[in-house]
Each structure stands twice: as C-alpha cells, then as structure tokens.
Amino acid sequence: MKVNIRNPQRRELELARGKRVEQLLTELRLNPETVIVVRGGELLTRDEFLSEADAVEIISAISGW
C-alpha cells in the first residue's frame, strides 16, 4: 500500500499488507480526529479496509472560521 502523508510535512511510505484505516492511523501514531484519509478522491471512514494495492493520502483536517 502506498501512503502519502501531508501532516504538515510530506512523507511517503510503502506498507506490505492491507489493514483498516483506523489500524493504519494507530500504527502511524496519528490522531484520527485531526486527519482525513482519501483514496481515489473518496473520503474514507475509520472502518474501511485498505488493500495492498491501494494508494491513500492522509491530510491534516483544518477547521476555521
């Protein structure tokens, strides 16, 4: 699985096996309340399963007025 992280610095990782979004964020020590995970332009929920063939992007969620 290819993982691009923009939080705030850009990093790229290759992971060997699939897992749920929540497991991925836990392993990367990212707070799920502060990021969004996108696959192919689609926002993913924490329970979505990611396969080895997926490419995802993890982006900081920014809130403001």
PDB file of N, CA and C in Angstrom:
ATOM      1  N   MET A   1       0.845  -1.160   0.000  1.00  0.00           N
ATOM      2  CA  MET A   1       0.000   0.000   0.000  1.00  0.00           C
ATOM      3  C   MET A   1       0.897   1.232   0.000  1.00  0.00           C
ATOM      4  N   LYS A   2       0.559   2.181  -0.827  1.00  0.00           N
ATOM      5  CA  LYS A   2       1.305   3.434  -0.886  1.00  0.00           C
ATOM      6  C   LYS A   2       0.561   4.466  -0.049  1.00  0.00           C
ATOM      7  N   VAL A   3       1.261   5.097   0.887  1.00  0.00           N
ATOM      8  CA  VAL A   3       0.653   6.071   1.783  1.00  0.00           C
ATOM      9  C   VAL A   3       1.408   7.392   1.665  1.00  0.00           C
ATOM     10  N   ASN A   4       0.701   8.445   1.273  1.00  0.00           N
ATOM     11  CA  ASN A   4       1.254   9.794   1.240  1.00  0.00           C
ATOM     12  C   ASN A   4       0.689  10.547   2.435  1.00  0.00           C
ATOM     13  N   ILE A   5       1.561  11.091   3.258  1.00  0.00           N
ATOM     14  CA  ILE A   5       1.141  11.813   4.454  1.00  0.00           C
ATOM     15  C   ILE A   5       1.495  13.279   4.275  1.00  0.00           C
ATOM     16  N   ARG A   6       0.503  14.142   4.467  1.00  0.00           N
ATOM     17  CA  ARG A   6       0.750  15.583   4.470  1.00  0.00           C
ATOM     18  C   ARG A   6       0.268  16.095   5.823  1.00  0.00           C
ATOM     19  N   ASN A   7       1.163  16.080   6.792  1.00  0.00           N
ATOM     20  CA  ASN A   7       0.750  16.360   8.173  1.00  0.00           C
ATOM     21  C   ASN A   7       1.859  16.975   9.006  1.00  0.00           C
ATOM     22  N   PRO A   8       2.289  18.175   8.904  1.00  0.00           N
ATOM     23  CA  PRO A   8       2.211  19.100   7.769  1.00  0.00           C
ATOM     24  C   PRO A   8       3.298  18.821   6.738  1.00  0.00           C
ATOM     25  N   GLN A   9       4.351  18.075   7.136  1.00  0.00           N
ATOM     26  CA  GLN A   9       5.399  17.732   6.173  1.00  0.00           C
ATOM     27  C   GLN A   9       4.961  16.541   5.342  1.00  0.00           C
ATOM     28  N   ARG A  10       5.417  16.509   4.111  1.00  0.00           N
ATOM     29  CA  ARG A  10       5.047  15.413   3.214  1.00  0.00           C
ATOM     30  C   ARG A  10       6.004  14.239   3.399  1.00  0.00           C
ATOM     31  N   ARG A  11       5.411  13.051   3.606  1.00  0.00           N
ATOM     32  CA  ARG A  11       6.167  11.798   3.703  1.00  0.00           C
ATOM     33  C   ARG A  11       5.470  10.771   2.830  1.00  0.00           C
ATOM     34  N   GLU A  12       6.243   9.832   2.316  1.00  0.00           N
ATOM     35  CA  GLU A  12       5.668   8.748   1.529  1.00  0.00           C
ATOM     36  C   GLU A  12       6.156   7.416   2.089  1.00  0.00           C
ATOM     37  N   LEU A  13       5.213   6.498   2.307  1.00  0.00           N
ATOM     38  CA  LEU A  13       5.523   5.188   2.868  1.00  0.00           C
ATOM     39  C   LEU A  13       4.976   4.091   1.970  1.00  0.00           C
ATOM     40  N   GLU A  14       5.618   2.947   2.017  1.00  0.00           N
ATOM     41  CA  GLU A  14       5.119   1.736   1.361  1.00  0.00           C
ATOM     42  C   GLU A  14       4.880   0.696   2.452  1.00  0.00           C
ATOM     43  N   LEU A  15       3.664   0.177   2.529  1.00  0.00           N
ATOM     44  CA  LEU A  15       3.330  -0.834   3.520  1.00  0.00           C
ATOM     45  C   LEU A  15       2.992  -2.143   2.808  1.00  0.00           C
ATOM     46  N   ALA A  16       3.398  -3.249   3.407  1.00  0.00           N
ATOM     47  CA  ALA A  16       3.324  -4.551   2.744  1.00  0.00           C
ATOM     48  C   ALA A  16       1.945  -5.203   2.761  1.00  0.00           C
ATOM     49  N   ARG A  17       1.096  -4.865   3.703  1.00  0.00           N
ATOM     50  CA  ARG A  17      -0.185  -5.576   3.759  1.00  0.00           C
ATOM     51  C   ARG A  17      -1.335  -4.621   4.022  1.00  0.00           C
ATOM     52  N   GLY A  18      -2.531  -5.084   3.732  1.00  0.00           N
ATOM     53  CA  GLY A  18      -3.717  -4.279   3.936  1.00  0.00           C
ATOM     54  C   GLY A  18      -4.130  -4.221   5.398  1.00  0.00           C
ATOM     55  N   LYS A  19      -4.966  -3.240   5.700  1.00  0.00           N
ATOM     56  CA  LYS A  19      -5.484  -3.059   7.059  1.00  0.00           C
ATOM     57  C   LYS A  19      -6.597  -2.029   7.037  1.00  0.00           C
ATOM     58  N   ARG A  20      -7.284  -1.903   8.132  1.00  0.00           N
ATOM     59  CA  ARG A  20      -8.333  -0.890   8.246  1.00  0.00           C
ATOM     60  C   ARG A  20      -7.701   0.491   8.450  1.00  0.00           C
ATOM     61  N   VAL A  21      -8.437   1.522   8.051  1.00  0.00           N
ATOM     62  CA  VAL A  21      -7.958   2.894   8.190  1.00  0.00           C
ATOM     63  C   VAL A  21      -7.573   3.182   9.640  1.00  0.00           C
ATOM     64  N   GLU A  22      -8.399   2.768  10.578  1.00  0.00           N
ATOM     65  CA  GLU A  22      -8.122   3.009  11.992  1.00  0.00           C
ATOM     66  C   GLU A  22      -6.802   2.370  12.423  1.00  0.00           C
ATOM     67  N   GLN A  23      -6.533   1.145  11.961  1.00  0.00           N
ATOM     68  CA  GLN A  23      -5.273   0.472  12.290  1.00  0.00           C
ATOM     69  C   GLN A  23      -4.079   1.228  11.701  1.00  0.00           C
ATOM     70  N   LEU A  24      -4.235   1.704  10.475  1.00  0.00           N
ATOM     71  CA  LEU A  24      -3.168   2.462   9.830  1.00  0.00           C
ATOM     72  C   LEU A  24      -2.829   3.717  10.624  1.00  0.00           C
ATOM     73  N   LEU A  25      -3.854   4.462  11.023  1.00  0.00           N
ATOM     74  CA  LEU A  25      -3.621   5.695  11.778  1.00  0.00           C
ATOM     75  C   LEU A  25      -2.982   5.409  13.137  1.00  0.00           C
ATOM     76  N   THR A  26      -3.396   4.329  13.773  1.00  0.00           N
ATOM     77  CA  THR A  26      -2.804   3.942  15.061  1.00  0.00           C
ATOM     78  C   THR A  26      -1.324   3.612  14.890  1.00  0.00           C
ATOM     79  N   GLU A  27      -1.001   2.826  13.869  1.00  0.00           N
ATOM     80  CA  GLU A  27       0.395   2.463  13.623  1.00  0.00           C
ATOM     81  C   GLU A  27       1.270   3.671  13.306  1.00  0.00           C
ATOM     82  N   LEU A  28       0.685   4.659  12.636  1.00  0.00           N
ATOM     83  CA  LEU A  28       1.430   5.866  12.284  1.00  0.00           C
ATOM     84  C   LEU A  28       1.402   6.920  13.387  1.00  0.00           C
ATOM     85  N   ARG A  29       0.725   6.571  14.479  1.00  0.00           N
ATOM     86  CA  ARG A  29       0.581   7.474  15.632  1.00  0.00           C
ATOM     87  C   ARG A  29      -0.039   8.807  15.238  1.00  0.00           C
ATOM     88  N   LEU A  30      -1.094   8.718  14.436  1.00  0.00           N
ATOM     89  CA  LEU A  30      -1.837   9.901  14.018  1.00  0.00           C
ATOM     90  C   LEU A  30      -3.206   9.878  14.675  1.00  0.00           C
ATOM     91  N   ASN A  31      -3.618  11.011  15.196  1.00  0.00           N
ATOM     92  CA  ASN A  31      -4.920  11.140  15.831  1.00  0.00           C
ATOM     93  C   ASN A  31      -5.999  11.181  14.753  1.00  0.00           C
ATOM     94  N   PRO A  32      -6.934  10.228  14.735  1.00  0.00           N
ATOM     95  CA  PRO A  32      -7.972  10.198  13.705  1.00  0.00           C
ATOM     96  C   PRO A  32      -8.892  11.408  13.724  1.00  0.00           C
ATOM     97  N   GLU A  33      -8.874  12.163  14.815  1.00  0.00           N
ATOM     98  CA  GLU A  33      -9.700  13.364  14.909  1.00  0.00           C
ATOM     99  C   GLU A  33      -9.062  14.549  14.186  1.00  0.00           C
ATOM    100  N   THR A  34      -7.777  14.425  13.811  1.00  0.00           N
ATOM    101  CA  THR A  34      -7.072  15.560  13.216  1.00  0.00           C
ATOM    102  C   THR A  34      -6.680  15.349  11.761  1.00  0.00           C
ATOM    103  N   VAL A  35      -7.024  14.190  11.186  1.00  0.00           N
ATOM    104  CA  VAL A  35      -6.663  13.908   9.791  1.00  0.00           C
ATOM    105  C   VAL A  35      -7.848  13.315   9.040  1.00  0.00           C
ATOM    106  N   ILE A  36      -7.758  13.397   7.700  1.00  0.00           N
ATOM    107  CA  ILE A  36      -8.697  12.685   6.847  1.00  0.00           C
ATOM    108  C   ILE A  36      -7.885  11.765   5.944  1.00  0.00           C
ATOM    109  N   VAL A  37      -8.500  10.661   5.547  1.00  0.00           N
ATOM    110  CA  VAL A  37      -7.831   9.682   4.690  1.00  0.00           C
ATOM    111  C   VAL A  37      -8.631   9.597   3.389  1.00  0.00           C
ATOM    112  N   VAL A  38      -7.922   9.740   2.263  1.00  0.00           N
ATOM    113  CA  VAL A  38      -8.557   9.794   0.948  1.00  0.00           C
ATOM    114  C   VAL A  38      -7.956   8.717   0.046  1.00  0.00           C
ATOM    115  N   ARG A  39      -8.829   8.025  -0.684  1.00  0.00           N
ATOM    116  CA  ARG A  39      -8.399   7.019  -1.671  1.00  0.00           C
ATOM    117  C   ARG A  39      -9.145   7.323  -2.970  1.00  0.00           C
ATOM    118  N   GLY A  40      -8.407   7.648  -4.013  1.00  0.00           N
ATOM    119  CA  GLY A  40      -9.027   7.909  -5.309  1.00  0.00           C
ATOM    120  C   GLY A  40     -10.054   9.027  -5.278  1.00  0.00           C
ATOM    121  N   GLY A  41      -9.818  10.054  -4.485  1.00  0.00           N
ATOM    122  CA  GLY A  41     -10.746  11.174  -4.383  1.00  0.00           C
ATOM    123  C   GLY A  41     -11.917  10.934  -3.441  1.00  0.00           C
ATOM    124  N   GLU A  42     -11.960   9.765  -2.807  1.00  0.00           N
ATOM    125  CA  GLU A  42     -13.058   9.411  -1.903  1.00  0.00           C
ATOM    126  C   GLU A  42     -12.591   9.458  -0.452  1.00  0.00           C
ATOM    127  N   LEU A  43     -13.335  10.188   0.381  1.00  0.00           N
ATOM    128  CA  LEU A  43     -13.063  10.265   1.812  1.00  0.00           C
ATOM    129  C   LEU A  43     -13.411   8.927   2.452  1.00  0.00           C
ATOM    130  N   LEU A  44     -12.500   8.388   3.252  1.00  0.00           N
ATOM    131  CA  LEU A  44     -12.706   7.078   3.872  1.00  0.00           C
ATOM    132  C   LEU A  44     -13.065   7.200   5.342  1.00  0.00           C
ATOM    133  N   THR A  45     -13.863   6.248   5.809  1.00  0.00           N
ATOM    134  CA  THR A  45     -14.184   6.173   7.230  1.00  0.00           C
ATOM    135  C   THR A  45     -13.153   5.285   7.919  1.00  0.00           C
ATOM    136  N   ARG A  46     -13.141   5.321   9.244  1.00  0.00           N
ATOM    137  CA  ARG A  46     -12.158   4.551  10.018  1.00  0.00           C
ATOM    138  C   ARG A  46     -12.271   3.050   9.834  1.00  0.00           C
ATOM    139  N   ASP A  47     -13.461   2.558   9.477  1.00  0.00           N
ATOM    140  CA  ASP A  47     -13.643   1.109   9.363  1.00  0.00           C
ATOM    141  C   ASP A  47     -13.419   0.577   7.946  1.00  0.00           C
ATOM    142  N   GLU A  48     -13.092   1.440   6.994  1.00  0.00           N
ATOM    143  CA  GLU A  48     -12.804   0.996   5.617  1.00  0.00           C
ATOM    144  C   GLU A  48     -11.544   0.139   5.599  1.00  0.00           C
ATOM    145  N   PHE A  49     -11.561  -0.910   4.776  1.00  0.00           N
ATOM    146  CA  PHE A  49     -10.388  -1.771   4.641  1.00  0.00           C
ATOM    147  C   PHE A  49      -9.551  -1.292   3.470  1.00  0.00           C
ATOM    148  N   LEU A  50      -8.246  -1.213   3.689  1.00  0.00           N
ATOM    149  CA  LEU A  50      -7.295  -0.815   2.656  1.00  0.00           C
ATOM    150  C   LEU A  50      -6.530  -2.056   2.215  1.00  0.00           C
ATOM    151  N   SER A  51      -6.443  -2.272   0.906  1.00  0.00           N
ATOM    152  CA  SER A  51      -5.704  -3.430   0.399  1.00  0.00           C
ATOM    153  C   SER A  51      -4.267  -3.041   0.086  1.00  0.00           C
ATOM    154  N   GLU A  52      -3.442  -4.035  -0.174  1.00  0.00           N
ATOM    155  CA  GLU A  52      -2.039  -3.800  -0.510  1.00  0.00           C
ATOM    156  C   GLU A  52      -1.900  -2.959  -1.770  1.00  0.00           C
ATOM    157  N   ALA A  53      -2.867  -3.040  -2.676  1.00  0.00           N
ATOM    158  CA  ALA A  53      -2.800  -2.334  -3.953  1.00  0.00           C
ATOM    159  C   ALA A  53      -3.259  -0.882  -3.870  1.00  0.00           C
ATOM    160  N   ASP A  54      -3.815  -0.470  -2.740  1.00  0.00           N
ATOM    161  CA  ASP A  54      -4.346   0.887  -2.602  1.00  0.00           C
ATOM    162  C   ASP A  54      -3.253   1.945  -2.494  1.00  0.00           C
ATOM    163  N   ALA A  55      -3.610   3.140  -2.916  1.00  0.00           N
ATOM    164  CA  ALA A  55      -2.795   4.337  -2.696  1.00  0.00           C
ATOM    165  C   ALA A  55      -3.686   5.325  -1.967  1.00  0.00           C
ATOM    166  N   VAL A  56      -3.270   5.757  -0.783  1.00  0.00           N
ATOM    167  CA  VAL A  56      -4.077   6.676   0.013  1.00  0.00           C
ATOM    168  C   VAL A  56      -3.264   7.908   0.381  1.00  0.00           C
ATOM    169  N   GLU A  57      -4.002   8.964   0.703  1.00  0.00           N
ATOM    170  CA  GLU A  57      -3.373  10.199   1.151  1.00  0.00           C
ATOM    171  C   GLU A  57      -3.970  10.561   2.500  1.00  0.00           C
ATOM    172  N   ILE A  58      -3.112  10.921   3.435  1.00  0.00           N
ATOM    173  CA  ILE A  58      -3.539  11.355   4.762  1.00  0.00           C
ATOM    174  C   ILE A  58      -3.256  12.841   4.856  1.00  0.00           C
ATOM    175  N   ILE A  59      -4.324  13.609   5.104  1.00  0.00           N
ATOM    176  CA  ILE A  59      -4.243  15.064   5.071  1.00  0.00           C
ATOM    177  C   ILE A  59      -4.708  15.623   6.411  1.00  0.00           C
ATOM    178  N   SER A  60      -4.024  16.650   6.898  1.00  0.00           N
ATOM    179  CA  SER A  60      -4.445  17.328   8.122  1.00  0.00           C
ATOM    180  C   SER A  60      -5.808  17.960   7.905  1.00  0.00           C
ATOM    181  N   ALA A  61      -6.706  17.742   8.841  1.00  0.00           N
ATOM    182  CA  ALA A  61      -8.024  18.369   8.794  1.00  0.00           C
ATOM    183  C   ALA A  61      -7.911  19.723   9.491  1.00  0.00           C
ATOM    184  N   ILE A  62      -8.242  20.757   8.781  1.00  0.00           N
ATOM    185  CA  ILE A  62      -8.112  22.118   9.320  1.00  0.00           C
ATOM    186  C   ILE A  62      -9.503  22.713   9.442  1.00  0.00           C
ATOM    187  N   SER A  63      -9.760  23.282  10.588  1.00  0.00           N
ATOM    188  CA  SER A  63     -11.048  23.919  10.835  1.00  0.00           C
ATOM    189  C   SER A  63     -10.805  25.391  11.151  1.00  0.00           C
ATOM    190  N   GLY A  64     -11.702  26.207  10.710  1.00  0.00           N
ATOM    191  CA  GLY A  64     -11.545  27.627  10.990  1.00  0.00           C
ATOM    192  C   GLY A  64     -12.833  28.388  10.717  1.00  0.00           C
ATOM    193  N   TRP A  65     -12.813  29.636  11.066  1.00  0.00           N
ATOM    194  CA  TRP A  65     -13.993  30.477  10.877  1.00  0.00           C
ATOM    195  C   TRP A  65     -13.746  31.458   9.782  1.00  0.00           C
TER     196      TRP A  65
END
